[in-house]
Amino acid sequence: MGETFSGVDYDTGVRAAQEFADLVAKLSFEATPAQAALAWVAQQSGVTTVIPGARSVAQAKANAAAGELPPLGAEFLAGVQELYDRELRAQIHDRW
């Protein structure tokens, strides 16, 4: 379903990814969107580990650095929730 692995259509996925990157840019510390995504998952209640893939040593090191990020904060979390609710929920939420 959809044009992406997750089932989200391509245009929505691109738009959501850009908006997520914009949220990351507003953090009070430096992080890539990938690092913020990994930190977001790891900082969820009940999550004990995150196992990301990597295609290079540099990417593996960048992914590992996500574990050192400080808490993402309520404003970021609210932005991610709003983005999900507005752009993604209708396309994928009923699948899980």
PDB file of N, CA and C in Angstrom:
ATOM      1  N   MET A   1       0.848  -1.189   0.000  1.00  0.00           N
ATOM      2  CA  MET A   1       0.000   0.000   0.000  1.00  0.00           C
ATOM      3  C   MET A   1       0.883   1.237   0.000  1.00  0.00           C
ATOM      4  N   GLY A   2       0.425   2.248  -0.671  1.00  0.00           N
ATOM      5  CA  GLY A   2       1.185   3.477  -0.715  1.00  0.00           C
ATOM      6  C   GLY A   2       2.454   3.315  -1.530  1.00  0.00           C
ATOM      7  N   GLU A   3       3.191   4.374  -1.654  1.00  0.00           N
ATOM      8  CA  GLU A   3       4.405   4.384  -2.454  1.00  0.00           C
ATOM      9  C   GLU A   3       5.663   4.226  -1.609  1.00  0.00           C
ATOM     10  N   THR A   4       5.512   4.073  -0.317  1.00  0.00           N
ATOM     11  CA  THR A   4       6.660   3.926   0.572  1.00  0.00           C
ATOM     12  C   THR A   4       6.491   2.647   1.375  1.00  0.00           C
ATOM     13  N   PHE A   5       7.555   2.225   1.992  1.00  0.00           N
ATOM     14  CA  PHE A   5       7.518   1.028   2.816  1.00  0.00           C
ATOM     15  C   PHE A   5       6.439   1.109   3.892  1.00  0.00           C
ATOM     16  N   SER A   6       6.254   2.290   4.452  1.00  0.00           N
ATOM     17  CA  SER A   6       5.289   2.456   5.537  1.00  0.00           C
ATOM     18  C   SER A   6       3.847   2.506   5.060  1.00  0.00           C
ATOM     19  N   GLY A   7       3.630   2.686   3.758  1.00  0.00           N
ATOM     20  CA  GLY A   7       2.283   2.809   3.244  1.00  0.00           C
ATOM     21  C   GLY A   7       1.844   4.242   3.039  1.00  0.00           C
ATOM     22  N   VAL A   8       2.715   5.193   3.308  1.00  0.00           N
ATOM     23  CA  VAL A   8       2.411   6.601   3.108  1.00  0.00           C
ATOM     24  C   VAL A   8       2.673   6.949   1.655  1.00  0.00           C
ATOM     25  N   ASP A   9       1.772   7.718   1.030  1.00  0.00           N
ATOM     26  CA  ASP A   9       2.025   8.109  -0.356  1.00  0.00           C
ATOM     27  C   ASP A   9       3.250   9.024  -0.422  1.00  0.00           C
ATOM     28  N   TYR A  10       3.904   9.006  -1.565  1.00  0.00           N
ATOM     29  CA  TYR A  10       5.201   9.668  -1.736  1.00  0.00           C
ATOM     30  C   TYR A  10       5.164  11.154  -1.380  1.00  0.00           C
ATOM     31  N   ASP A  11       4.222  11.904  -1.926  1.00  0.00           N
ATOM     32  CA  ASP A  11       4.172  13.347  -1.671  1.00  0.00           C
ATOM     33  C   ASP A  11       3.970  13.656  -0.194  1.00  0.00           C
ATOM     34  N   THR A  12       3.117  12.891   0.456  1.00  0.00           N
ATOM     35  CA  THR A  12       2.907  13.090   1.895  1.00  0.00           C
ATOM     36  C   THR A  12       4.182  12.762   2.661  1.00  0.00           C
ATOM     37  N   GLY A  13       4.863  11.687   2.279  1.00  0.00           N
ATOM     38  CA  GLY A  13       6.104  11.311   2.945  1.00  0.00           C
ATOM     39  C   GLY A  13       7.173  12.375   2.821  1.00  0.00           C
ATOM     40  N   VAL A  14       7.325  12.932   1.633  1.00  0.00           N
ATOM     41  CA  VAL A  14       8.313  13.993   1.427  1.00  0.00           C
ATOM     42  C   VAL A  14       7.955  15.216   2.251  1.00  0.00           C
ATOM     43  N   ARG A  15       6.686  15.597   2.225  1.00  0.00           N
ATOM     44  CA  ARG A  15       6.232  16.761   2.992  1.00  0.00           C
ATOM     45  C   ARG A  15       6.445  16.540   4.496  1.00  0.00           C
ATOM     46  N   ALA A  16       6.099  15.366   4.995  1.00  0.00           N
ATOM     47  CA  ALA A  16       6.265  15.070   6.419  1.00  0.00           C
ATOM     48  C   ALA A  16       7.738  15.042   6.805  1.00  0.00           C
ATOM     49  N   ALA A  17       8.581  14.491   5.946  1.00  0.00           N
ATOM     50  CA  ALA A  17      10.016  14.455   6.236  1.00  0.00           C
ATOM     51  C   ALA A  17      10.583  15.861   6.321  1.00  0.00           C
ATOM     52  N   GLN A  18      10.160  16.748   5.433  1.00  0.00           N
ATOM     53  CA  GLN A  18      10.652  18.129   5.482  1.00  0.00           C
ATOM     54  C   GLN A  18      10.169  18.834   6.742  1.00  0.00           C
ATOM     55  N   GLU A  19       8.923  18.620   7.094  1.00  0.00           N
ATOM     56  CA  GLU A  19       8.397  19.241   8.315  1.00  0.00           C
ATOM     57  C   GLU A  19       9.102  18.694   9.556  1.00  0.00           C
ATOM     58  N   PHE A  20       9.419  17.390   9.547  1.00  0.00           N
ATOM     59  CA  PHE A  20      10.167  16.819  10.666  1.00  0.00           C
ATOM     60  C   PHE A  20      11.542  17.460  10.746  1.00  0.00           C
ATOM     61  N   ALA A  21      12.215  17.627   9.609  1.00  0.00           N
ATOM     62  CA  ALA A  21      13.527  18.276   9.590  1.00  0.00           C
ATOM     63  C   ALA A  21      13.430  19.705  10.119  1.00  0.00           C
ATOM     64  N   ASP A  22      12.340  20.396   9.811  1.00  0.00           N
ATOM     65  CA  ASP A  22      12.138  21.748  10.334  1.00  0.00           C
ATOM     66  C   ASP A  22      11.997  21.733  11.856  1.00  0.00           C
ATOM     67  N   LEU A  23      11.303  20.739  12.400  1.00  0.00           N
ATOM     68  CA  LEU A  23      11.195  20.605  13.857  1.00  0.00           C
ATOM     69  C   LEU A  23      12.568  20.357  14.476  1.00  0.00           C
ATOM     70  N   VAL A  24      13.369  19.513  13.841  1.00  0.00           N
ATOM     71  CA  VAL A  24      14.705  19.200  14.345  1.00  0.00           C
ATOM     72  C   VAL A  24      15.565  20.451  14.358  1.00  0.00           C
ATOM     73  N   ALA A  25      15.449  21.275  13.332  1.00  0.00           N
ATOM     74  CA  ALA A  25      16.243  22.501  13.243  1.00  0.00           C
ATOM     75  C   ALA A  25      15.938  23.476  14.375  1.00  0.00           C
ATOM     76  N   LYS A  26      14.772  23.360  14.983  1.00  0.00           N
ATOM     77  CA  LYS A  26      14.379  24.242  16.088  1.00  0.00           C
ATOM     78  C   LYS A  26      14.855  23.752  17.452  1.00  0.00           C
ATOM     79  N   LEU A  27      15.433  22.555  17.513  1.00  0.00           N
ATOM     80  CA  LEU A  27      15.946  22.051  18.795  1.00  0.00           C
ATOM     81  C   LEU A  27      17.053  22.958  19.303  1.00  0.00           C
ATOM     82  N   SER A  28      17.243  22.976  20.588  1.00  0.00           N
ATOM     83  CA  SER A  28      18.271  23.831  21.189  1.00  0.00           C
ATOM     84  C   SER A  28      19.661  23.215  21.118  1.00  0.00           C
ATOM     85  N   PHE A  29      19.791  22.061  20.510  1.00  0.00           N
ATOM     86  CA  PHE A  29      21.069  21.373  20.337  1.00  0.00           C
ATOM     87  C   PHE A  29      21.142  20.842  18.915  1.00  0.00           C
ATOM     88  N   GLU A  30      22.317  20.509  18.469  1.00  0.00           N
ATOM     89  CA  GLU A  30      22.502  20.038  17.105  1.00  0.00           C
ATOM     90  C   GLU A  30      22.193  18.554  16.987  1.00  0.00           C
ATOM     91  N   ALA A  31      21.427  18.220  15.987  1.00  0.00           N
ATOM     92  CA  ALA A  31      21.089  16.820  15.687  1.00  0.00           C
ATOM     93  C   ALA A  31      20.637  16.746  14.244  1.00  0.00           C
ATOM     94  N   THR A  32      20.891  15.618  13.621  1.00  0.00           N
ATOM     95  CA  THR A  32      20.344  15.393  12.285  1.00  0.00           C
ATOM     96  C   THR A  32      18.911  14.879  12.441  1.00  0.00           C
ATOM     97  N   PRO A  33      18.119  14.954  11.381  1.00  0.00           N
ATOM     98  CA  PRO A  33      16.785  14.365  11.464  1.00  0.00           C
ATOM     99  C   PRO A  33      16.827  12.877  11.828  1.00  0.00           C
ATOM    100  N   ALA A  34      17.799  12.140  11.287  1.00  0.00           N
ATOM    101  CA  ALA A  34      17.902  10.711  11.626  1.00  0.00           C
ATOM    102  C   ALA A  34      18.206  10.522  13.102  1.00  0.00           C
ATOM    103  N   GLN A  35      19.106  11.321  13.641  1.00  0.00           N
ATOM    104  CA  GLN A  35      19.433  11.214  15.066  1.00  0.00           C
ATOM    105  C   GLN A  35      18.223  11.563  15.927  1.00  0.00           C
ATOM    106  N   ALA A  36      17.495  12.618  15.551  1.00  0.00           N
ATOM    107  CA  ALA A  36      16.308  13.005  16.317  1.00  0.00           C
ATOM    108  C   ALA A  36      15.244  11.911  16.258  1.00  0.00           C
ATOM    109  N   ALA A  37      15.086  11.283  15.097  1.00  0.00           N
ATOM    110  CA  ALA A  37      14.111  10.198  14.976  1.00  0.00           C
ATOM    111  C   ALA A  37      14.492   9.025  15.871  1.00  0.00           C
ATOM    112  N   LEU A  38      15.761   8.664  15.865  1.00  0.00           N
ATOM    113  CA  LEU A  38      16.223   7.569  16.727  1.00  0.00           C
ATOM    114  C   LEU A  38      16.055   7.934  18.194  1.00  0.00           C
ATOM    115  N   ALA A  39      16.403   9.158  18.553  1.00  0.00           N
ATOM    116  CA  ALA A  39      16.248   9.600  19.944  1.00  0.00           C
ATOM    117  C   ALA A  39      14.777   9.612  20.337  1.00  0.00           C
ATOM    118  N   TRP A  40      13.904  10.046  19.410  1.00  0.00           N
ATOM    119  CA  TRP A  40      12.475  10.076  19.700  1.00  0.00           C
ATOM    120  C   TRP A  40      11.991   8.673  20.043  1.00  0.00           C
ATOM    121  N   VAL A  41      12.373   7.689  19.240  1.00  0.00           N
ATOM    122  CA  VAL A  41      11.972   6.306  19.514  1.00  0.00           C
ATOM    123  C   VAL A  41      12.522   5.854  20.861  1.00  0.00           C
ATOM    124  N   ALA A  42      13.809   6.074  21.082  1.00  0.00           N
ATOM    125  CA  ALA A  42      14.458   5.607  22.315  1.00  0.00           C
ATOM    126  C   ALA A  42      13.884   6.275  23.560  1.00  0.00           C
ATOM    127  N   GLN A  43      13.378   7.487  23.410  1.00  0.00           N
ATOM    128  CA  GLN A  43      12.860   8.221  24.564  1.00  0.00           C
ATOM    129  C   GLN A  43      11.384   7.940  24.838  1.00  0.00           C
ATOM    130  N   GLN A  44      10.774   7.033  24.092  1.00  0.00           N
ATOM    131  CA  GLN A  44       9.387   6.654  24.336  1.00  0.00           C
ATOM    132  C   GLN A  44       9.318   5.708  25.530  1.00  0.00           C
ATOM    133  N   SER A  45       8.310   5.876  26.320  1.00  0.00           N
ATOM    134  CA  SER A  45       8.101   5.005  27.465  1.00  0.00           C
ATOM    135  C   SER A  45       7.975   3.558  27.004  1.00  0.00           C
ATOM    136  N   GLY A  46       8.681   2.670  27.648  1.00  0.00           N
ATOM    137  CA  GLY A  46       8.591   1.261  27.328  1.00  0.00           C
ATOM    138  C   GLY A  46       9.581   0.781  26.293  1.00  0.00           C
ATOM    139  N   VAL A  47      10.270   1.690  25.622  1.00  0.00           N
ATOM    140  CA  VAL A  47      11.265   1.285  24.627  1.00  0.00           C
ATOM    141  C   VAL A  47      12.573   1.029  25.354  1.00  0.00           C
ATOM    142  N   THR A  48      13.134  -0.146  25.139  1.00  0.00           N
ATOM    143  CA  THR A  48      14.396  -0.489  25.805  1.00  0.00           C
ATOM    144  C   THR A  48      15.583  -0.504  24.863  1.00  0.00           C
ATOM    145  N   THR A  49      15.338  -0.611  23.562  1.00  0.00           N
ATOM    146  CA  THR A  49      16.438  -0.590  22.607  1.00  0.00           C
ATOM    147  C   THR A  49      15.935  -0.151  21.243  1.00  0.00           C
ATOM    148  N   VAL A  50      16.840   0.403  20.466  1.00  0.00           N
ATOM    149  CA  VAL A  50      16.567   0.793  19.092  1.00  0.00           C
ATOM    150  C   VAL A  50      17.685   0.190  18.260  1.00  0.00           C
ATOM    151  N   ILE A  51      17.338  -0.507  17.195  1.00  0.00           N
ATOM    152  CA  ILE A  51      18.351  -1.157  16.364  1.00  0.00           C
ATOM    153  C   ILE A  51      18.243  -0.597  14.943  1.00  0.00           C
ATOM    154  N   PRO A  52      18.957   0.493  14.664  1.00  0.00           N
ATOM    155  CA  PRO A  52      18.898   1.062  13.315  1.00  0.00           C
ATOM    156  C   PRO A  52      19.873   0.374  12.376  1.00  0.00           C
ATOM    157  N   GLY A  53      19.618   0.472  11.111  1.00  0.00           N
ATOM    158  CA  GLY A  53      20.557  -0.018  10.117  1.00  0.00           C
ATOM    159  C   GLY A  53      21.590   1.056   9.812  1.00  0.00           C
ATOM    160  N   ALA A  54      22.648   0.671   9.125  1.00  0.00           N
ATOM    161  CA  ALA A  54      23.668   1.631   8.689  1.00  0.00           C
ATOM    162  C   ALA A  54      24.366   1.071   7.466  1.00  0.00           C
ATOM    163  N   ARG A  55      24.711   1.950   6.546  1.00  0.00           N
ATOM    164  CA  ARG A  55      25.396   1.531   5.323  1.00  0.00           C
ATOM    165  C   ARG A  55      26.870   1.904   5.332  1.00  0.00           C
ATOM    166  N   SER A  56      27.301   2.594   6.370  1.00  0.00           N
ATOM    167  CA  SER A  56      28.712   2.984   6.450  1.00  0.00           C
ATOM    168  C   SER A  56      29.096   3.142   7.916  1.00  0.00           C
ATOM    169  N   VAL A  57      30.389   3.182   8.151  1.00  0.00           N
ATOM    170  CA  VAL A  57      30.884   3.407   9.516  1.00  0.00           C
ATOM    171  C   VAL A  57      30.422   4.773  10.008  1.00  0.00           C
ATOM    172  N   ALA A  58      30.476   5.773   9.146  1.00  0.00           N
ATOM    173  CA  ALA A  58      30.058   7.120   9.541  1.00  0.00           C
ATOM    174  C   ALA A  58      28.588   7.157   9.944  1.00  0.00           C
ATOM    175  N   GLN A  59      27.745   6.457   9.192  1.00  0.00           N
ATOM    176  CA  GLN A  59      26.329   6.428   9.536  1.00  0.00           C
ATOM    177  C   GLN A  59      26.108   5.681  10.839  1.00  0.00           C
ATOM    178  N   ALA A  60      26.830   4.611  11.066  1.00  0.00           N
ATOM    179  CA  ALA A  60      26.703   3.867  12.325  1.00  0.00           C
ATOM    180  C   ALA A  60      27.111   4.749  13.506  1.00  0.00           C
ATOM    181  N   LYS A  61      28.186   5.515  13.344  1.00  0.00           N
ATOM    182  CA  LYS A  61      28.624   6.414  14.418  1.00  0.00           C
ATOM    183  C   LYS A  61      27.602   7.519  14.657  1.00  0.00           C
ATOM    184  N   ALA A  62      27.044   8.076  13.591  1.00  0.00           N
ATOM    185  CA  ALA A  62      26.024   9.114  13.738  1.00  0.00           C
ATOM    186  C   ALA A  62      24.785   8.560  14.433  1.00  0.00           C
ATOM    187  N   ASN A  63      24.390   7.341  14.061  1.00  0.00           N
ATOM    188  CA  ASN A  63      23.245   6.714  14.720  1.00  0.00           C
ATOM    189  C   ASN A  63      23.512   6.492  16.198  1.00  0.00           C
ATOM    190  N   ALA A  64      24.717   6.025  16.525  1.00  0.00           N
ATOM    191  CA  ALA A  64      25.065   5.786  17.928  1.00  0.00           C
ATOM    192  C   ALA A  64      25.048   7.084  18.718  1.00  0.00           C
ATOM    193  N   ALA A  65      25.440   8.186  18.093  1.00  0.00           N
ATOM    194  CA  ALA A  65      25.461   9.483  18.776  1.00  0.00           C
ATOM    195  C   ALA A  65      24.054   9.927  19.182  1.00  0.00           C
ATOM    196  N   ALA A  66      23.043   9.400  18.519  1.00  0.00           N
ATOM    197  CA  ALA A  66      21.666   9.752  18.886  1.00  0.00           C
ATOM    198  C   ALA A  66      21.363   9.350  20.323  1.00  0.00           C
ATOM    199  N   GLY A  67      22.028   8.326  20.805  1.00  0.00           N
ATOM    200  CA  GLY A  67      21.825   7.885  22.180  1.00  0.00           C
ATOM    201  C   GLY A  67      22.350   8.859  23.215  1.00  0.00           C
ATOM    202  N   GLU A  68      23.147   9.800  22.788  1.00  0.00           N
ATOM    203  CA  GLU A  68      23.716  10.807  23.694  1.00  0.00           C
ATOM    204  C   GLU A  68      22.924  12.112  23.692  1.00  0.00           C
ATOM    205  N   LEU A  69      21.896  12.196  22.867  1.00  0.00           N
ATOM    206  CA  LEU A  69      21.124  13.439  22.805  1.00  0.00           C
ATOM    207  C   LEU A  69      20.350  13.652  24.099  1.00  0.00           C
ATOM    208  N   PRO A  70      20.205  14.915  24.501  1.00  0.00           N
ATOM    209  CA  PRO A  70      19.376  15.202  25.675  1.00  0.00           C
ATOM    210  C   PRO A  70      17.903  14.968  25.344  1.00  0.00           C
ATOM    211  N   PRO A  71      17.040  15.003  26.344  1.00  0.00           N
ATOM    212  CA  PRO A  71      15.608  14.858  26.074  1.00  0.00           C
ATOM    213  C   PRO A  71      15.151  15.857  25.006  1.00  0.00           C
ATOM    214  N   LEU A  72      14.282  15.410  24.142  1.00  0.00           N
ATOM    215  CA  LEU A  72      13.865  16.227  23.009  1.00  0.00           C
ATOM    216  C   LEU A  72      12.931  17.372  23.396  1.00  0.00           C
ATOM    217  N   GLY A  73      12.257  17.258  24.495  1.00  0.00           N
ATOM    218  CA  GLY A  73      11.435  18.349  24.996  1.00  0.00           C
ATOM    219  C   GLY A  73       9.985  18.298  24.538  1.00  0.00           C
ATOM    220  N   ALA A  74       9.140  18.909  25.351  1.00  0.00           N
ATOM    221  CA  ALA A  74       7.697  18.875  25.128  1.00  0.00           C
ATOM    222  C   ALA A  74       7.300  19.543  23.821  1.00  0.00           C
ATOM    223  N   GLU A  75       7.946  20.640  23.459  1.00  0.00           N
ATOM    224  CA  GLU A  75       7.584  21.348  22.230  1.00  0.00           C
ATOM    225  C   GLU A  75       7.863  20.474  20.996  1.00  0.00           C
ATOM    226  N   PHE A  76       9.012  19.809  20.975  1.00  0.00           N
ATOM    227  CA  PHE A  76       9.338  18.918  19.867  1.00  0.00           C
ATOM    228  C   PHE A  76       8.348  17.759  19.812  1.00  0.00           C
ATOM    229  N   LEU A  77       8.098  17.136  20.953  1.00  0.00           N
ATOM    230  CA  LEU A  77       7.174  16.002  21.001  1.00  0.00           C
ATOM    231  C   LEU A  77       5.779  16.400  20.536  1.00  0.00           C
ATOM    232  N   ALA A  78       5.325  17.582  20.940  1.00  0.00           N
ATOM    233  CA  ALA A  78       4.013  18.064  20.495  1.00  0.00           C
ATOM    234  C   ALA A  78       4.017  18.308  18.993  1.00  0.00           C
ATOM    235  N   GLY A  79       5.116  18.818  18.464  1.00  0.00           N
ATOM    236  CA  GLY A  79       5.216  19.037  17.028  1.00  0.00           C
ATOM    237  C   GLY A  79       5.174  17.745  16.243  1.00  0.00           C
ATOM    238  N   VAL A  80       5.858  16.729  16.742  1.00  0.00           N
ATOM    239  CA  VAL A  80       5.832  15.419  16.082  1.00  0.00           C
ATOM    240  C   VAL A  80       4.425  14.841  16.125  1.00  0.00           C
ATOM    241  N   GLN A  81       3.761  14.945  17.261  1.00  0.00           N
ATOM    242  CA  GLN A  81       2.391  14.433  17.384  1.00  0.00           C
ATOM    243  C   GLN A  81       1.448  15.153  16.422  1.00  0.00           C
ATOM    244  N   GLU A  82       1.579  16.467  16.347  1.00  0.00           N
ATOM    245  CA  GLU A  82       0.726  17.249  15.454  1.00  0.00           C
ATOM    246  C   GLU A  82       0.990  16.872  13.992  1.00  0.00           C
ATOM    247  N   LEU A  83       2.252  16.715  13.634  1.00  0.00           N
ATOM    248  CA  LEU A  83       2.624  16.317  12.280  1.00  0.00           C
ATOM    249  C   LEU A  83       2.042  14.936  11.949  1.00  0.00           C
ATOM    250  N   TYR A  84       2.188  14.004  12.855  1.00  0.00           N
ATOM    251  CA  TYR A  84       1.625  12.661  12.652  1.00  0.00           C
ATOM    252  C   TYR A  84       0.111  12.722  12.474  1.00  0.00           C
ATOM    253  N   ASP A  85      -0.545  13.427  13.374  1.00  0.00           N
ATOM    254  CA  ASP A  85      -2.006  13.498  13.319  1.00  0.00           C
ATOM    255  C   ASP A  85      -2.487  14.146  12.019  1.00  0.00           C
ATOM    256  N   ARG A  86      -1.813  15.171  11.573  1.00  0.00           N
ATOM    257  CA  ARG A  86      -2.234  15.920  10.390  1.00  0.00           C
ATOM    258  C   ARG A  86      -1.877  15.213   9.081  1.00  0.00           C
ATOM    259  N   GLU A  87      -0.703  14.629   8.995  1.00  0.00           N
ATOM    260  CA  GLU A  87      -0.221  14.108   7.712  1.00  0.00           C
ATOM    261  C   GLU A  87      -0.265  12.591   7.571  1.00  0.00           C
ATOM    262  N   LEU A  88      -0.119  11.853   8.653  1.00  0.00           N
ATOM    263  CA  LEU A  88       0.112  10.418   8.542  1.00  0.00           C
ATOM    264  C   LEU A  88      -0.985   9.527   9.116  1.00  0.00           C
ATOM    265  N   ARG A  89      -1.613   9.966  10.164  1.00  0.00           N
ATOM    266  CA  ARG A  89      -2.563   9.119  10.890  1.00  0.00           C
ATOM    267  C   ARG A  89      -3.596   8.471   9.981  1.00  0.00           C
ATOM    268  N   ALA A  90      -4.221   9.245   9.120  1.00  0.00           N
ATOM    269  CA  ALA A  90      -5.300   8.698   8.283  1.00  0.00           C
ATOM    270  C   ALA A  90      -4.796   7.604   7.335  1.00  0.00           C
ATOM    271  N   GLN A  91      -3.536   7.686   6.915  1.00  0.00           N
ATOM    272  CA  GLN A  91      -3.016   6.724   5.955  1.00  0.00           C
ATOM    273  C   GLN A  91      -2.492   5.438   6.596  1.00  0.00           C
ATOM    274  N   ILE A  92      -2.028   5.514   7.844  1.00  0.00           N
ATOM    275  CA  ILE A  92      -1.331   4.338   8.391  1.00  0.00           C
ATOM    276  C   ILE A  92      -1.770   3.868   9.768  1.00  0.00           C
ATOM    277  N   HIS A  93      -2.432   4.689  10.537  1.00  0.00           N
ATOM    278  CA  HIS A  93      -2.662   4.340  11.952  1.00  0.00           C
ATOM    279  C   HIS A  93      -3.493   3.075  12.132  1.00  0.00           C
ATOM    280  N   ASP A  94      -4.430   2.838  11.263  1.00  0.00           N
ATOM    281  CA  ASP A  94      -5.285   1.650  11.426  1.00  0.00           C
ATOM    282  C   ASP A  94      -4.545   0.345  11.124  1.00  0.00           C
ATOM    283  N   ARG A  95      -3.325   0.421  10.637  1.00  0.00           N
ATOM    284  CA  ARG A  95      -2.545  -0.782  10.338  1.00  0.00           C
ATOM    285  C   ARG A  95      -1.842  -1.348  11.543  1.00  0.00           C
ATOM    286  N   TRP A  96      -1.766  -0.604  12.633  1.00  0.00           N
ATOM    287  CA  TRP A  96      -1.111  -1.109  13.829  1.00  0.00           C
ATOM    288  C   TRP A  96      -1.946  -0.788  14.990  1.00  0.00           C
TER     289      TRP A  96
END
